[in-house]
Amino acid sequence: MKPNGSRAFLNHLTFLLLGPLYHLLNELERKQAVENAVELAKPKCGLVFCAFVSREAHLRDLVTREPDRLVKQKDFYAAYFKTGRYEKLNEANVATSQSFHTNSDEIRHFFHKHFSNTLEMISLRSTEGILGGGLDKALIDADADVVQSWADLMFKEYSEMEMHL
């Protein structure tokens, strides 16, 4: 540790922020998480990778497991689409699952609102595309060339298409 409490030794070229942005329901807490990551990245050359979960990812999972929930919990989903807050409550009204889901427009707005003067967004990419949420399980027993073909397709067609975030 350097004298005077300097945190310079903590600077990293790359910092991965893979969980907090979808586990923190409050926008100011998400902002603080990004600020903390930026503080740990090397000044002027460090990269911070931030992961979010899209509403589409949740809906894809929902339609494969419980498609009727969209109708049965109409009020829940009306609020969910407005706020991105997913809070599953038990019988005692205690949250058993909480997460924040978003879309590419909201991600861009978040970074513009809080970091437009301090950070540059280099890229906004989807990592799931059409095979996310377990839909890739048919590839488990596929030949290597088949898996590679799907991987190539996913990267080419979906990694830069923000509509799939």
C-alpha atoms as a PDB file:
ATOM      1  CA  MET A   1       0.000   0.000   0.000  1.00  0.00           C
ATOM      2  CA  LYS A   2       1.283   3.437  -0.867  1.00  0.00           C
ATOM      3  CA  PRO A   3       1.720   6.037   1.837  1.00  0.00           C
ATOM      4  CA  ASN A   4      -1.041   8.643   2.247  1.00  0.00           C
ATOM      5  CA  GLY A   5      -3.743   6.103   1.405  1.00  0.00           C
ATOM      6  CA  SER A   6      -3.393   6.453  -2.355  1.00  0.00           C
ATOM      7  CA  ARG A   7      -5.479   3.890  -4.246  1.00  0.00           C
ATOM      8  CA  ALA A   8      -3.352   4.150  -7.385  1.00  0.00           C
ATOM      9  CA  PHE A   9      -2.145   0.590  -6.909  1.00  0.00           C
ATOM     10  CA  LEU A  10      -5.711  -0.591  -7.492  1.00  0.00           C
ATOM     11  CA  ASN A  11      -5.940   0.803 -11.023  1.00  0.00           C
ATOM     12  CA  HIS A  12      -6.793  -1.843 -13.586  1.00  0.00           C
ATOM     13  CA  LEU A  13      -6.700  -1.642 -17.352  1.00  0.00           C
ATOM     14  CA  THR A  14     -10.018  -3.493 -17.497  1.00  0.00           C
ATOM     15  CA  PHE A  15     -12.755  -3.594 -14.882  1.00  0.00           C
ATOM     16  CA  LEU A  16     -15.806  -5.861 -15.173  1.00  0.00           C
ATOM     17  CA  LEU A  17     -19.057  -4.645 -13.640  1.00  0.00           C
ATOM     18  CA  LEU A  18     -21.100  -7.772 -14.291  1.00  0.00           C
ATOM     19  CA  GLY A  19     -23.696  -7.921 -11.524  1.00  0.00           C
ATOM     20  CA  PRO A  20     -24.522  -4.684  -9.751  1.00  0.00           C
ATOM     21  CA  LEU A  21     -26.316  -2.902 -12.573  1.00  0.00           C
ATOM     22  CA  TYR A  22     -29.108  -5.441 -12.688  1.00  0.00           C
ATOM     23  CA  HIS A  23     -29.138  -6.291  -8.981  1.00  0.00           C
ATOM     24  CA  LEU A  24     -29.465  -2.687  -7.822  1.00  0.00           C
ATOM     25  CA  LEU A  25     -33.023  -1.411  -8.158  1.00  0.00           C
ATOM     26  CA  ASN A  26     -32.225   2.222  -7.424  1.00  0.00           C
ATOM     27  CA  GLU A  27     -30.738   4.320 -10.237  1.00  0.00           C
ATOM     28  CA  LEU A  28     -28.493   6.284  -7.879  1.00  0.00           C
ATOM     29  CA  GLU A  29     -27.037   3.021  -6.566  1.00  0.00           C
ATOM     30  CA  ARG A  30     -26.328   1.918 -10.159  1.00  0.00           C
ATOM     31  CA  LYS A  31     -24.675   5.290 -10.787  1.00  0.00           C
ATOM     32  CA  GLN A  32     -22.517   4.822  -7.683  1.00  0.00           C
ATOM     33  CA  ALA A  33     -21.514   1.323  -8.845  1.00  0.00           C
ATOM     34  CA  VAL A  34     -20.314   2.721 -12.183  1.00  0.00           C
ATOM     35  CA  GLU A  35     -18.487   5.566 -10.433  1.00  0.00           C
ATOM     36  CA  ASN A  36     -16.738   3.046  -8.165  1.00  0.00           C
ATOM     37  CA  ALA A  37     -15.705   0.920 -11.153  1.00  0.00           C
ATOM     38  CA  VAL A  38     -14.399   3.973 -13.008  1.00  0.00           C
ATOM     39  CA  GLU A  39     -12.401   4.980  -9.940  1.00  0.00           C
ATOM     40  CA  LEU A  40     -10.708   1.558  -9.987  1.00  0.00           C
ATOM     41  CA  ALA A  41      -9.909   1.724 -13.711  1.00  0.00           C
ATOM     42  CA  LYS A  42      -6.732   3.315 -15.027  1.00  0.00           C
ATOM     43  CA  PRO A  43      -7.273   7.008 -15.737  1.00  0.00           C
ATOM     44  CA  LYS A  44      -7.690   7.848 -19.447  1.00  0.00           C
ATOM     45  CA  CYS A  45      -7.002   4.311 -20.701  1.00  0.00           C
ATOM     46  CA  GLY A  46      -8.994   1.956 -18.485  1.00  0.00           C
ATOM     47  CA  LEU A  47     -12.049   0.142 -19.791  1.00  0.00           C
ATOM     48  CA  VAL A  48     -15.128  -0.620 -17.730  1.00  0.00           C
ATOM     49  CA  PHE A  49     -17.450  -3.324 -19.048  1.00  0.00           C
ATOM     50  CA  CYS A  50     -20.981  -3.035 -17.678  1.00  0.00           C
ATOM     51  CA  ALA A  51     -23.622  -5.761 -17.880  1.00  0.00           C
ATOM     52  CA  PHE A  52     -27.359  -5.204 -17.821  1.00  0.00           C
ATOM     53  CA  VAL A  53     -30.275  -7.613 -18.217  1.00  0.00           C
ATOM     54  CA  SER A  54     -32.889  -6.777 -20.816  1.00  0.00           C
ATOM     55  CA  ARG A  55     -36.628  -6.984 -20.300  1.00  0.00           C
ATOM     56  CA  GLU A  56     -36.661  -9.202 -23.362  1.00  0.00           C
ATOM     57  CA  ALA A  57     -34.456 -11.753 -21.569  1.00  0.00           C
ATOM     58  CA  HIS A  58     -37.009 -12.005 -18.766  1.00  0.00           C
ATOM     59  CA  LEU A  59     -39.931 -12.182 -21.188  1.00  0.00           C
ATOM     60  CA  ARG A  60     -38.223 -14.898 -23.228  1.00  0.00           C
ATOM     61  CA  ASP A  61     -37.823 -16.920 -20.040  1.00  0.00           C
ATOM     62  CA  LEU A  62     -41.399 -16.178 -19.003  1.00  0.00           C
ATOM     63  CA  VAL A  63     -42.940 -17.333 -22.280  1.00  0.00           C
ATOM     64  CA  THR A  64     -41.051 -20.645 -22.108  1.00  0.00           C
ATOM     65  CA  ARG A  65     -41.970 -21.348 -18.461  1.00  0.00           C
ATOM     66  CA  GLU A  66     -45.199 -19.550 -17.513  1.00  0.00           C
ATOM     67  CA  PRO A  67     -46.793 -17.746 -20.466  1.00  0.00           C
ATOM     68  CA  ASP A  68     -50.065 -17.203 -18.579  1.00  0.00           C
ATOM     69  CA  ARG A  69     -48.312 -15.108 -15.913  1.00  0.00           C
ATOM     70  CA  LEU A  70     -48.385 -12.108 -18.264  1.00  0.00           C
ATOM     71  CA  VAL A  71     -52.196 -12.197 -18.017  1.00  0.00           C
ATOM     72  CA  LYS A  72     -52.518 -13.361 -14.403  1.00  0.00           C
ATOM     73  CA  GLN A  73     -50.192 -10.627 -13.126  1.00  0.00           C
ATOM     74  CA  LYS A  74     -51.269  -7.830 -15.436  1.00  0.00           C
ATOM     75  CA  ASP A  75     -50.705  -5.059 -12.856  1.00  0.00           C
ATOM     76  CA  PHE A  76     -47.260  -6.406 -11.945  1.00  0.00           C
ATOM     77  CA  TYR A  77     -46.192  -6.389 -15.589  1.00  0.00           C
ATOM     78  CA  ALA A  78     -47.689  -2.956 -16.260  1.00  0.00           C
ATOM     79  CA  ALA A  79     -45.422  -1.576 -13.515  1.00  0.00           C
ATOM     80  CA  TYR A  80     -42.509  -3.730 -14.686  1.00  0.00           C
ATOM     81  CA  PHE A  81     -42.640  -2.311 -18.218  1.00  0.00           C
ATOM     82  CA  LYS A  82     -42.605   1.246 -16.840  1.00  0.00           C
ATOM     83  CA  THR A  83     -39.826   0.840 -14.275  1.00  0.00           C
ATOM     84  CA  GLY A  84     -37.810  -2.262 -15.150  1.00  0.00           C
ATOM     85  CA  ARG A  85     -38.062  -3.349 -11.511  1.00  0.00           C
ATOM     86  CA  TYR A  86     -38.634  -7.070 -11.132  1.00  0.00           C
ATOM     87  CA  GLU A  87     -39.584  -7.925  -7.571  1.00  0.00           C
ATOM     88  CA  LYS A  88     -41.061 -11.346  -6.918  1.00  0.00           C
ATOM     89  CA  LEU A  89     -42.753 -11.431  -3.508  1.00  0.00           C
ATOM     90  CA  ASN A  90     -43.672 -14.429  -1.359  1.00  0.00           C
ATOM     91  CA  GLU A  91     -46.902 -14.885   0.627  1.00  0.00           C
ATOM     92  CA  ALA A  92     -45.528 -12.681   3.428  1.00  0.00           C
ATOM     93  CA  ASN A  93     -44.954  -9.899   0.880  1.00  0.00           C
ATOM     94  CA  VAL A  94     -41.168 -10.258   1.215  1.00  0.00           C
ATOM     95  CA  ALA A  95     -39.075 -10.020  -1.932  1.00  0.00           C
ATOM     96  CA  THR A  96     -37.556 -13.371  -2.869  1.00  0.00           C
ATOM     97  CA  SER A  97     -36.115 -12.130  -6.138  1.00  0.00           C
ATOM     98  CA  GLN A  98     -35.202  -8.593  -7.136  1.00  0.00           C
ATOM     99  CA  SER A  99     -33.549  -7.294 -10.261  1.00  0.00           C
ATOM    100  CA  PHE A 100     -33.567  -4.397 -12.675  1.00  0.00           C
ATOM    101  CA  HIS A 101     -34.193  -5.003 -16.380  1.00  0.00           C
ATOM    102  CA  THR A 102     -33.784  -2.400 -19.092  1.00  0.00           C
ATOM    103  CA  ASN A 103     -33.319  -1.780 -22.817  1.00  0.00           C
ATOM    104  CA  SER A 104     -30.708  -0.116 -25.004  1.00  0.00           C
ATOM    105  CA  ASP A 105     -32.434   3.292 -25.055  1.00  0.00           C
ATOM    106  CA  GLU A 106     -32.566   3.379 -21.266  1.00  0.00           C
ATOM    107  CA  ILE A 107     -28.923   2.274 -20.989  1.00  0.00           C
ATOM    108  CA  ARG A 108     -27.836   5.085 -23.318  1.00  0.00           C
ATOM    109  CA  HIS A 109     -29.979   7.568 -21.369  1.00  0.00           C
ATOM    110  CA  PHE A 110     -28.481   6.406 -18.043  1.00  0.00           C
ATOM    111  CA  PHE A 111     -24.907   6.918 -19.249  1.00  0.00           C
ATOM    112  CA  HIS A 112     -25.711  10.218 -20.971  1.00  0.00           C
ATOM    113  CA  LYS A 113     -27.509  11.557 -17.902  1.00  0.00           C
ATOM    114  CA  HIS A 114     -24.820  10.619 -15.405  1.00  0.00           C
ATOM    115  CA  PHE A 115     -21.557  10.338 -17.325  1.00  0.00           C
ATOM    116  CA  SER A 116     -21.719  12.308 -20.589  1.00  0.00           C
ATOM    117  CA  ASN A 117     -18.931  14.643 -19.447  1.00  0.00           C
ATOM    118  CA  THR A 118     -16.673  11.987 -17.964  1.00  0.00           C
ATOM    119  CA  LEU A 119     -17.037   8.713 -19.887  1.00  0.00           C
ATOM    120  CA  GLU A 120     -17.215   7.582 -23.485  1.00  0.00           C
ATOM    121  CA  MET A 121     -19.517   4.713 -24.379  1.00  0.00           C
ATOM    122  CA  ILE A 122     -17.533   2.746 -26.936  1.00  0.00           C
ATOM    123  CA  SER A 123     -20.059   0.047 -27.706  1.00  0.00           C
ATOM    124  CA  LEU A 124     -23.407  -1.329 -26.612  1.00  0.00           C
ATOM    125  CA  ARG A 125     -23.730  -5.016 -27.480  1.00  0.00           C
ATOM    126  CA  SER A 126     -26.105  -7.883 -26.994  1.00  0.00           C
ATOM    127  CA  THR A 127     -24.551 -11.102 -25.760  1.00  0.00           C
ATOM    128  CA  GLU A 128     -27.545 -13.401 -25.946  1.00  0.00           C
ATOM    129  CA  GLY A 129     -29.273 -12.793 -29.245  1.00  0.00           C
ATOM    130  CA  ILE A 130     -31.721 -15.461 -30.320  1.00  0.00           C
ATOM    131  CA  LEU A 131     -30.093 -18.318 -28.382  1.00  0.00           C
ATOM    132  CA  GLY A 132     -30.147 -16.824 -24.894  1.00  0.00           C
ATOM    133  CA  GLY A 133     -32.185 -18.104 -22.011  1.00  0.00           C
ATOM    134  CA  GLY A 134     -31.341 -21.750 -22.585  1.00  0.00           C
ATOM    135  CA  LEU A 135     -32.465 -21.836 -26.196  1.00  0.00           C
ATOM    136  CA  ASP A 136     -28.964 -22.990 -27.104  1.00  0.00           C
ATOM    137  CA  LYS A 137     -29.394 -26.348 -25.342  1.00  0.00           C
ATOM    138  CA  ALA A 138     -29.985 -28.133 -28.658  1.00  0.00           C
ATOM    139  CA  LEU A 139     -26.362 -27.352 -29.493  1.00  0.00           C
ATOM    140  CA  ILE A 140     -24.967 -29.383 -26.577  1.00  0.00           C
ATOM    141  CA  ASP A 141     -24.601 -32.548 -28.646  1.00  0.00           C
ATOM    142  CA  ALA A 142     -23.962 -30.799 -31.958  1.00  0.00           C
ATOM    143  CA  ASP A 143     -20.741 -31.210 -33.920  1.00  0.00           C
ATOM    144  CA  ALA A 144     -18.095 -28.525 -33.498  1.00  0.00           C
ATOM    145  CA  ASP A 145     -18.723 -27.095 -36.983  1.00  0.00           C
ATOM    146  CA  VAL A 146     -22.440 -26.687 -36.199  1.00  0.00           C
ATOM    147  CA  VAL A 147     -21.700 -24.914 -32.912  1.00  0.00           C
ATOM    148  CA  GLN A 148     -19.143 -22.698 -34.665  1.00  0.00           C
ATOM    149  CA  SER A 149     -21.661 -21.808 -37.391  1.00  0.00           C
ATOM    150  CA  TRP A 150     -24.196 -20.722 -34.781  1.00  0.00           C
ATOM    151  CA  ALA A 151     -21.550 -18.796 -32.841  1.00  0.00           C
ATOM    152  CA  ASP A 152     -20.486 -17.005 -36.028  1.00  0.00           C
ATOM    153  CA  LEU A 153     -24.112 -16.183 -36.863  1.00  0.00           C
ATOM    154  CA  MET A 154     -24.767 -14.863 -33.364  1.00  0.00           C
ATOM    155  CA  PHE A 155     -21.696 -12.636 -33.423  1.00  0.00           C
ATOM    156  CA  LYS A 156     -22.310 -11.340 -36.940  1.00  0.00           C
ATOM    157  CA  GLU A 157     -26.052 -10.788 -36.740  1.00  0.00           C
ATOM    158  CA  TYR A 158     -26.777 -10.048 -33.103  1.00  0.00           C
ATOM    159  CA  SER A 159     -23.770  -8.763 -31.167  1.00  0.00           C
ATOM    160  CA  GLU A 160     -24.194  -5.192 -32.392  1.00  0.00           C
ATOM    161  CA  MET A 161     -27.964  -5.103 -32.803  1.00  0.00           C
ATOM    162  CA  GLU A 162     -29.235  -3.116 -29.851  1.00  0.00           C
ATOM    163  CA  MET A 163     -32.806  -4.262 -30.392  1.00  0.00           C
ATOM    164  CA  HIS A 164     -31.778  -7.609 -28.907  1.00  0.00           C
ATOM    165  CA  LEU A 165     -30.500  -6.181 -25.621  1.00  0.00           C
END
